N, C-alpha and C. Protein backbone atom coordinates (compact mmCIF):
# COMPACT_ATOMS: atom_id res chain seq x y z
N UNK A 1 -10.42 38.28 94.02
CA UNK A 1 -10.84 38.98 94.90
C UNK A 1 -9.74 39.88 95.36
N UNK A 2 -10.15 41.24 95.10
CA UNK A 2 -9.87 42.63 96.03
C UNK A 2 -10.76 42.78 97.36
N UNK A 3 -10.93 41.76 97.11
CA UNK A 3 -12.27 42.77 98.62
C UNK A 3 -13.05 41.10 99.33
N UNK A 4 -12.03 41.26 100.94
CA UNK A 4 -13.58 40.64 101.64
C UNK A 4 -13.72 40.33 102.95
N UNK A 5 -13.86 42.19 103.09
CA UNK A 5 -14.47 42.71 104.05
C UNK A 5 -14.73 44.02 103.33
N UNK A 6 -16.08 44.06 104.41
CA UNK A 6 -16.23 46.17 104.34
C UNK A 6 -15.25 47.56 104.17
N UNK A 7 -13.54 47.31 103.32
CA UNK A 7 -12.78 48.05 103.43
C UNK A 7 -12.77 48.94 101.03
N UNK A 8 -12.43 49.89 101.30
CA UNK A 8 -12.17 50.37 99.69
C UNK A 8 -11.17 50.18 99.62
N UNK A 9 -10.79 49.82 98.35
CA UNK A 9 -9.53 49.30 97.52
C UNK A 9 -9.35 50.16 96.41
N UNK A 10 -8.95 50.87 96.61
CA UNK A 10 -8.98 51.59 95.01
C UNK A 10 -8.51 50.93 93.37
N UNK A 11 -9.12 51.92 92.63
CA UNK A 11 -9.09 51.13 91.27
C UNK A 11 -7.78 50.76 90.83
N UNK A 12 -6.81 51.61 90.80
CA UNK A 12 -5.53 51.13 90.90
C UNK A 12 -5.14 49.78 91.68
N UNK A 13 -5.29 49.93 92.92
CA UNK A 13 -5.46 48.49 93.67
C UNK A 13 -5.75 47.31 92.71
N UNK A 14 -7.46 47.50 92.23
CA UNK A 14 -7.69 46.40 92.12
C UNK A 14 -7.01 45.89 90.67
N UNK A 15 -6.67 47.03 89.68
CA UNK A 15 -5.54 46.46 88.44
C UNK A 15 -4.65 46.13 88.66
N UNK A 16 -4.15 46.07 89.50
CA UNK A 16 -2.60 45.58 89.76
C UNK A 16 -2.72 44.50 90.45
N UNK A 17 -3.68 43.93 91.23
CA UNK A 17 -3.84 43.23 92.28
C UNK A 17 -4.01 41.69 90.61
N UNK A 18 -4.54 42.60 89.77
CA UNK A 18 -4.91 41.54 88.63
C UNK A 18 -4.47 41.30 87.52
N UNK A 19 -3.59 42.17 87.10
CA UNK A 19 -2.14 42.23 86.32
C UNK A 19 -1.44 41.67 87.30
N UNK A 20 -1.13 41.13 88.22
CA UNK A 20 -0.44 40.69 89.10
C UNK A 20 -0.56 39.13 88.88
N UNK A 21 -1.49 39.26 89.59
CA UNK A 21 -1.90 38.06 89.35
C UNK A 21 -1.61 37.13 87.65
N UNK A 22 -1.93 37.78 86.80
CA UNK A 22 -1.35 36.90 85.76
C UNK A 22 -2.91 36.58 85.47
N UNK A 23 -4.25 36.98 85.92
CA UNK A 23 -5.53 36.43 85.76
C UNK A 23 -6.29 36.38 84.54
N UNK A 24 -7.08 35.65 84.58
CA UNK A 24 -7.42 34.66 82.72
C UNK A 24 -8.62 35.47 82.62
N UNK A 25 -9.13 36.58 83.79
CA UNK A 25 -10.07 37.45 82.88
C UNK A 25 -10.34 38.76 84.37
N UNK A 26 -10.71 39.65 84.71
CA UNK A 26 -11.26 40.40 85.48
C UNK A 26 -12.85 40.74 85.70
N UNK A 27 -13.77 40.76 86.87
CA UNK A 27 -15.09 40.61 86.79
C UNK A 27 -14.88 41.25 87.71
N UNK A 28 -16.48 42.35 87.46
CA UNK A 28 -15.71 43.14 88.68
C UNK A 28 -17.67 43.66 88.81
N UNK A 29 -18.22 43.74 89.98
CA UNK A 29 -19.59 42.81 90.32
C UNK A 29 -19.62 44.36 91.29
N UNK A 30 -21.06 45.21 90.63
CA UNK A 30 -21.88 46.49 91.19
C UNK A 30 -22.71 46.26 91.59
N UNK A 31 -23.64 47.08 92.36
CA UNK A 31 -24.53 47.84 92.74
C UNK A 31 -24.85 48.93 92.14
N UNK A 32 -26.23 48.79 91.28
CA UNK A 32 -26.29 50.11 90.77
C UNK A 32 -26.52 51.11 91.51
N UNK A 33 -26.99 52.69 91.17
CA UNK A 33 -27.73 53.87 91.58
C UNK A 33 -27.93 54.25 91.16
N UNK A 34 -28.88 55.44 91.18
CA UNK A 34 -29.26 56.12 90.35
C UNK A 34 -30.29 57.63 91.22
N UNK A 35 -30.54 58.54 90.85
CA UNK A 35 -30.91 59.62 91.81
C UNK A 35 -32.34 59.45 91.31
N UNK A 36 -33.30 58.53 90.36
CA UNK A 36 -34.22 58.96 90.22
C UNK A 36 -34.65 56.91 91.22
N UNK A 37 -35.45 56.30 92.15
CA UNK A 37 -35.44 55.01 92.70
C UNK A 37 -36.42 54.64 91.79
N UNK A 38 -37.16 54.88 90.12
CA UNK A 38 -37.99 53.99 89.27
C UNK A 38 -36.62 53.29 88.04
N UNK A 39 -36.08 54.16 88.74
CA UNK A 39 -34.39 53.84 87.46
C UNK A 39 -34.35 51.60 87.85
N UNK A 40 -33.99 51.01 87.44
CA UNK A 40 -34.53 49.66 87.79
C UNK A 40 -33.84 48.56 86.47
N UNK A 41 -32.75 47.73 86.98
CA UNK A 41 -32.34 46.30 85.73
C UNK A 41 -30.72 45.72 86.08
N UNK A 42 -30.78 45.21 85.01
CA UNK A 42 -29.12 44.65 85.10
C UNK A 42 -28.80 45.08 84.33
N UNK A 43 -27.76 45.91 83.88
CA UNK A 43 -26.65 45.27 83.05
C UNK A 43 -25.10 45.68 82.75
N UNK A 44 -24.31 45.35 81.98
CA UNK A 44 -22.44 43.80 81.66
C UNK A 44 -21.83 45.62 81.17
N UNK A 45 -21.10 45.72 81.23
CA UNK A 45 -19.92 47.01 80.65
C UNK A 45 -18.82 46.13 80.47
N UNK A 46 -18.02 46.76 79.00
CA UNK A 46 -16.61 46.05 79.17
C UNK A 46 -16.44 47.13 78.02
N UNK A 47 -14.77 47.02 78.12
CA UNK A 47 -13.71 48.68 77.37
C UNK A 47 -14.26 48.36 76.30
N UNK A 48 -14.65 49.52 75.25
CA UNK A 48 -14.46 48.96 74.12
C UNK A 48 -13.81 48.82 72.95
N UNK A 49 -12.73 48.94 73.17
CA UNK A 49 -11.73 48.48 72.08
C UNK A 49 -10.79 47.33 72.67
N UNK A 50 -12.13 45.70 73.69
CA UNK A 50 -11.79 44.73 73.96
C UNK A 50 -12.77 44.02 73.32
N UNK A 51 -12.54 43.22 72.37
CA UNK A 51 -13.42 42.14 71.71
C UNK A 51 -13.87 40.72 72.51
N UNK A 52 -12.52 40.54 72.94
CA UNK A 52 -12.31 39.79 74.38
C UNK A 52 -13.39 39.86 75.42
N UNK A 53 -13.00 41.19 75.87
CA UNK A 53 -14.16 41.61 76.80
C UNK A 53 -15.70 41.62 77.00
N UNK A 54 -16.24 42.27 75.23
CA UNK A 54 -16.85 41.85 75.22
C UNK A 54 -17.85 40.87 75.43
N UNK A 55 -17.11 39.64 74.68
CA UNK A 55 -17.74 38.02 75.25
C UNK A 55 -17.61 37.71 76.31
N UNK A 56 -16.95 38.26 77.17
CA UNK A 56 -16.95 37.90 78.34
C UNK A 56 -18.10 38.63 78.87
N UNK A 57 -18.30 39.80 78.97
CA UNK A 57 -19.24 40.53 79.65
C UNK A 57 -20.92 40.28 79.01
N UNK A 58 -20.33 39.25 77.33
CA UNK A 58 -21.88 38.79 76.92
C UNK A 58 -22.08 37.67 77.54
N UNK A 59 -20.88 36.58 78.13
CA UNK A 59 -21.98 35.37 78.65
C UNK A 59 -22.06 35.67 80.07
N UNK A 60 -21.47 36.32 80.97
CA UNK A 60 -22.02 36.74 82.22
C UNK A 60 -23.23 37.27 82.26
N UNK A 61 -23.52 38.17 81.43
CA UNK A 61 -25.30 38.75 81.40
C UNK A 61 -26.53 37.42 81.10
N UNK A 62 -26.50 37.14 79.43
CA UNK A 62 -26.76 36.13 79.53
C UNK A 62 -27.79 35.53 80.47
N UNK A 63 -26.73 34.93 81.24
CA UNK A 63 -27.26 33.67 82.03
C UNK A 63 -27.97 34.77 84.04
N UNK A 64 -26.55 35.76 83.68
CA UNK A 64 -27.63 36.43 84.87
C UNK A 64 -29.37 36.84 84.33
N UNK A 65 -29.35 37.45 83.25
CA UNK A 65 -30.58 37.82 83.34
C UNK A 65 -31.74 37.03 83.04
N UNK A 66 -31.15 35.49 83.10
CA UNK A 66 -31.98 34.59 82.86
C UNK A 66 -32.40 34.01 84.63
N UNK A 67 -31.79 34.56 85.59
CA UNK A 67 -31.98 33.59 86.58
C UNK A 67 -32.41 34.89 86.93
N UNK A 68 -32.01 35.69 87.41
CA UNK A 68 -32.90 36.92 87.99
C UNK A 68 -34.14 37.68 87.81
N UNK A 69 -33.81 37.70 86.93
CA UNK A 69 -35.63 37.66 85.87
C UNK A 69 -36.12 39.27 85.89
N UNK A 70 -34.71 40.52 86.15
CA UNK A 70 -34.48 41.65 86.26
C UNK A 70 -34.48 42.62 84.73
N UNK A 71 -34.54 43.61 84.73
CA UNK A 71 -35.03 44.31 83.67
C UNK A 71 -33.37 43.65 82.67
N UNK A 72 -33.54 43.78 81.46
CA UNK A 72 -32.07 43.72 80.78
C UNK A 72 -32.54 44.94 80.67
N UNK A 73 -31.26 45.92 80.83
CA UNK A 73 -30.52 47.53 80.70
C UNK A 73 -29.55 47.25 78.88
N UNK A 74 -28.80 46.05 78.94
CA UNK A 74 -28.32 45.38 77.78
C UNK A 74 -26.58 45.66 78.60
N UNK A 75 -25.57 45.28 77.14
CA UNK A 75 -24.15 45.18 77.62
C UNK A 75 -23.82 46.08 76.83
N UNK A 76 -23.35 47.08 77.17
CA UNK A 76 -22.62 47.93 77.13
C UNK A 76 -20.88 48.51 76.74
N UNK A 77 -20.22 49.65 75.85
CA UNK A 77 -18.94 49.66 76.68
C UNK A 77 -18.60 50.38 77.77
N UNK A 78 -18.26 50.61 77.57
CA UNK A 78 -17.28 52.12 79.07
C UNK A 78 -15.95 51.76 79.16
N UNK A 79 -15.45 53.39 79.43
CA UNK A 79 -14.70 53.45 79.40
C UNK A 79 -14.18 53.55 81.45
N UNK A 80 -14.72 52.74 82.00
CA UNK A 80 -13.71 52.81 83.45
C UNK A 80 -13.17 52.08 83.49
N UNK A 81 -12.03 52.47 84.98
CA UNK A 81 -11.01 52.25 84.77
C UNK A 81 -10.29 51.41 84.40
N UNK A 82 -11.17 50.48 84.98
CA UNK A 82 -10.39 48.70 85.99
C UNK A 82 -10.66 47.90 84.13
N UNK A 83 -11.55 48.66 83.50
CA UNK A 83 -11.57 48.01 82.50
C UNK A 83 -11.06 48.23 81.08
N UNK A 84 -10.16 49.82 81.22
CA UNK A 84 -9.02 50.35 80.33
C UNK A 84 -7.37 49.49 80.74
N UNK A 85 -7.62 49.81 82.14
CA UNK A 85 -6.08 48.88 82.35
C UNK A 85 -5.67 47.77 83.17
N UNK A 86 -6.51 46.84 82.97
CA UNK A 86 -6.75 45.39 83.34
C UNK A 86 -5.62 44.89 82.21
N UNK A 87 -5.14 43.81 82.38
CA UNK A 87 -4.03 43.45 80.48
C UNK A 87 -4.87 42.18 80.75
N UNK A 88 -6.20 41.82 80.76
CA UNK A 88 -6.92 40.33 80.32
C UNK A 88 -8.58 40.98 80.18
N UNK A 89 -9.16 40.28 79.03
CA UNK A 89 -10.93 40.68 79.31
C UNK A 89 -11.03 40.57 80.40
N UNK A 90 -12.09 42.37 80.40
CA UNK A 90 -12.64 42.12 81.11
C UNK A 90 -13.84 43.09 81.84
N UNK A 91 -15.07 42.32 82.54
CA UNK A 91 -16.78 42.84 82.54
C UNK A 91 -16.27 43.62 83.40
N UNK A 92 -17.96 44.24 84.00
CA UNK A 92 -18.51 44.95 84.88
C UNK A 92 -19.43 45.19 84.88
N UNK A 93 -20.49 44.07 85.83
CA UNK A 93 -21.62 43.62 85.82
C UNK A 93 -22.67 44.61 87.20
N UNK A 94 -23.31 45.03 86.62
CA UNK A 94 -24.60 46.08 87.98
C UNK A 94 -25.61 45.48 87.95
N UNK A 95 -26.13 44.30 89.38
CA UNK A 95 -26.57 43.40 88.99
C UNK A 95 -28.04 44.05 89.27
N UNK A 96 -28.08 45.30 90.26
CA UNK A 96 -29.70 45.72 90.39
C UNK A 96 -29.07 47.27 91.12
N UNK A 97 -30.47 47.93 90.69
CA UNK A 97 -30.47 49.21 91.77
C UNK A 97 -30.40 49.70 93.15
N UNK A 98 -29.29 49.48 93.74
CA UNK A 98 -29.71 49.56 95.48
C UNK A 98 -30.57 50.89 96.12
N UNK A 99 -30.50 51.84 94.59
CA UNK A 99 -32.35 53.03 95.30
C UNK A 99 -33.60 53.19 94.44
N UNK A 100 -33.44 51.77 94.21
CA UNK A 100 -34.70 51.59 94.17
C UNK A 100 -35.36 50.04 95.04
N UNK A 101 -36.66 50.27 95.92
CA UNK A 101 -36.47 50.39 96.65
C UNK A 101 -36.47 48.25 96.63
N UNK A 102 -37.63 47.78 95.18
CA UNK A 102 -37.64 46.44 95.18
C UNK A 102 -36.51 45.94 95.28
N UNK A 103 -35.33 46.48 94.51
CA UNK A 103 -34.19 45.83 94.01
C UNK A 103 -33.22 45.75 95.15
N UNK A 104 -34.00 46.45 96.11
CA UNK A 104 -32.72 46.72 97.01
C UNK A 104 -32.79 46.11 98.44
N UNK A 105 -33.78 45.12 98.21
CA UNK A 105 -34.41 43.96 99.64
C UNK A 105 -34.32 42.62 98.17
N UNK A 106 -34.02 42.71 97.17
CA UNK A 106 -33.57 41.14 96.49
C UNK A 106 -31.92 41.76 96.51
N UNK A 107 -31.22 42.30 96.44
CA UNK A 107 -30.28 42.42 96.48
C UNK A 107 -29.15 42.15 98.68
N UNK A 108 -30.35 41.81 99.20
CA UNK A 108 -30.31 42.35 100.58
C UNK A 108 -31.24 40.23 100.74
N UNK A 109 -30.91 39.40 99.78
CA UNK A 109 -31.49 38.03 99.95
C UNK A 109 -30.67 37.30 99.45
N UNK A 110 -30.84 36.37 100.73
CA UNK A 110 -29.58 35.57 100.74
C UNK A 110 -29.78 34.47 98.77
N UNK A 111 -31.09 34.23 98.84
CA UNK A 111 -31.91 33.65 97.30
C UNK A 111 -30.93 33.95 96.24
N UNK A 112 -31.71 35.49 96.34
CA UNK A 112 -31.00 35.84 94.71
C UNK A 112 -29.15 36.27 94.56
N UNK A 113 -28.98 36.69 96.45
CA UNK A 113 -27.30 37.10 95.96
C UNK A 113 -26.73 35.51 95.02
N UNK A 114 -27.10 34.47 96.03
CA UNK A 114 -26.80 32.48 95.50
C UNK A 114 -27.00 32.68 93.75
N UNK A 115 -28.49 32.94 93.40
CA UNK A 115 -28.54 32.48 92.12
C UNK A 115 -27.89 33.77 91.35
N UNK A 116 -27.42 34.75 91.80
CA UNK A 116 -27.11 35.98 90.66
C UNK A 116 -25.46 35.01 90.51
N UNK A 117 -24.91 34.93 91.84
CA UNK A 117 -23.10 34.68 91.64
C UNK A 117 -22.88 33.34 91.22
N UNK A 118 -24.20 32.06 90.79
CA UNK A 118 -24.07 31.19 90.20
C UNK A 118 -24.04 31.26 89.02
N UNK A 119 -24.82 32.76 88.50
CA UNK A 119 -25.01 32.84 87.23
C UNK A 119 -23.82 33.47 86.54
N UNK A 120 -22.99 33.90 87.29
CA UNK A 120 -22.31 35.06 86.89
C UNK A 120 -20.79 34.10 86.68
N UNK A 121 -21.12 32.82 87.70
CA UNK A 121 -20.25 31.60 87.35
C UNK A 121 -19.87 31.07 86.86
N UNK A 122 -21.64 30.46 85.82
CA UNK A 122 -21.57 30.24 84.68
C UNK A 122 -21.11 31.12 83.59
N UNK A 123 -22.16 31.73 83.37
CA UNK A 123 -20.94 32.56 82.15
C UNK A 123 -19.89 32.88 82.56
N UNK A 124 -19.24 32.49 83.72
CA UNK A 124 -17.26 32.56 83.43
C UNK A 124 -17.41 31.61 82.68
N UNK A 125 -17.73 30.81 83.28
CA UNK A 125 -17.30 28.94 82.55
C UNK A 125 -17.64 29.28 81.36
N UNK A 126 -18.67 28.88 80.67
CA UNK A 126 -19.33 30.18 79.50
C UNK A 126 -18.19 29.93 78.56
N UNK A 127 -17.97 31.25 78.94
CA UNK A 127 -16.94 32.22 77.73
C UNK A 127 -14.70 31.15 77.92
N UNK A 128 -14.56 31.05 79.28
CA UNK A 128 -13.82 29.84 78.67
C UNK A 128 -14.08 28.79 77.77
N UNK A 129 -14.90 28.23 78.02
CA UNK A 129 -14.58 27.09 76.90
C UNK A 129 -15.23 27.92 76.33
N UNK A 130 -15.27 28.78 75.26
CA UNK A 130 -15.21 30.27 73.76
C UNK A 130 -16.49 29.84 73.69
N UNK A 131 -17.78 29.38 73.69
CA UNK A 131 -18.99 29.37 73.57
C UNK A 131 -20.18 29.69 74.66
N UNK A 132 -20.96 30.62 74.19
CA UNK A 132 -22.09 30.94 75.27
C UNK A 132 -22.87 28.97 75.34
N UNK A 133 -22.79 28.14 73.52
CA UNK A 133 -23.60 27.22 73.64
C UNK A 133 -23.44 26.37 74.79
N UNK A 134 -22.53 25.90 75.64
CA UNK A 134 -21.98 25.50 76.79
C UNK A 134 -23.01 25.48 77.73
N UNK A 135 -23.69 27.02 77.68
CA UNK A 135 -24.74 26.91 78.30
C UNK A 135 -25.82 26.18 79.02
N UNK A 136 -26.35 25.83 77.89
CA UNK A 136 -27.16 24.53 77.53
C UNK A 136 -27.01 23.54 78.40
N UNK A 137 -25.84 23.15 78.21
CA UNK A 137 -25.60 21.82 79.00
C UNK A 137 -25.51 21.95 80.27
N UNK A 138 -25.58 23.08 81.11
CA UNK A 138 -25.85 23.62 82.21
C UNK A 138 -27.45 23.21 82.75
N UNK A 139 -27.61 21.92 83.61
CA UNK A 139 -28.76 21.40 83.55
C UNK A 139 -29.89 22.77 83.95
N UNK A 140 -29.39 23.67 85.76
CA UNK A 140 -30.10 23.85 85.75
C UNK A 140 -30.11 25.37 84.89
N UNK A 141 -29.47 25.59 84.03
CA UNK A 141 -30.06 27.26 83.15
C UNK A 141 -30.70 26.81 81.53
N UNK A 142 -30.99 25.00 82.11
CA UNK A 142 -32.62 24.54 80.52
C UNK A 142 -33.72 25.53 80.64
């Protein structure tokens, strides 16, 4: 965890903490925003040069879409700083759009937060086991 309270932590500091901890994976969780309040859905990103990052992002994304029921905006490559500079597989997840009134309400909902957190954790476990098939062994995702 790079933050335990609502305080800004620089991207460089986040990356350095992950790299110094010799973490197995780096997962950055965000709320998306857009100029249009019609934008909606979930998406995940990985560094375009990292096959392992793509596998991590995909493993997290699949159960997250199933659990939340939000629009599937896909798993995409990007050049975000935290994805390029971590030494371990990295994924950045945009849960939902805070600029969309309906999704903003979901983001504030304890049940939605719990479902999303569980799905992300399940995806990480599936990635650690090297197979998305592992998700079928998790009773709450059947």
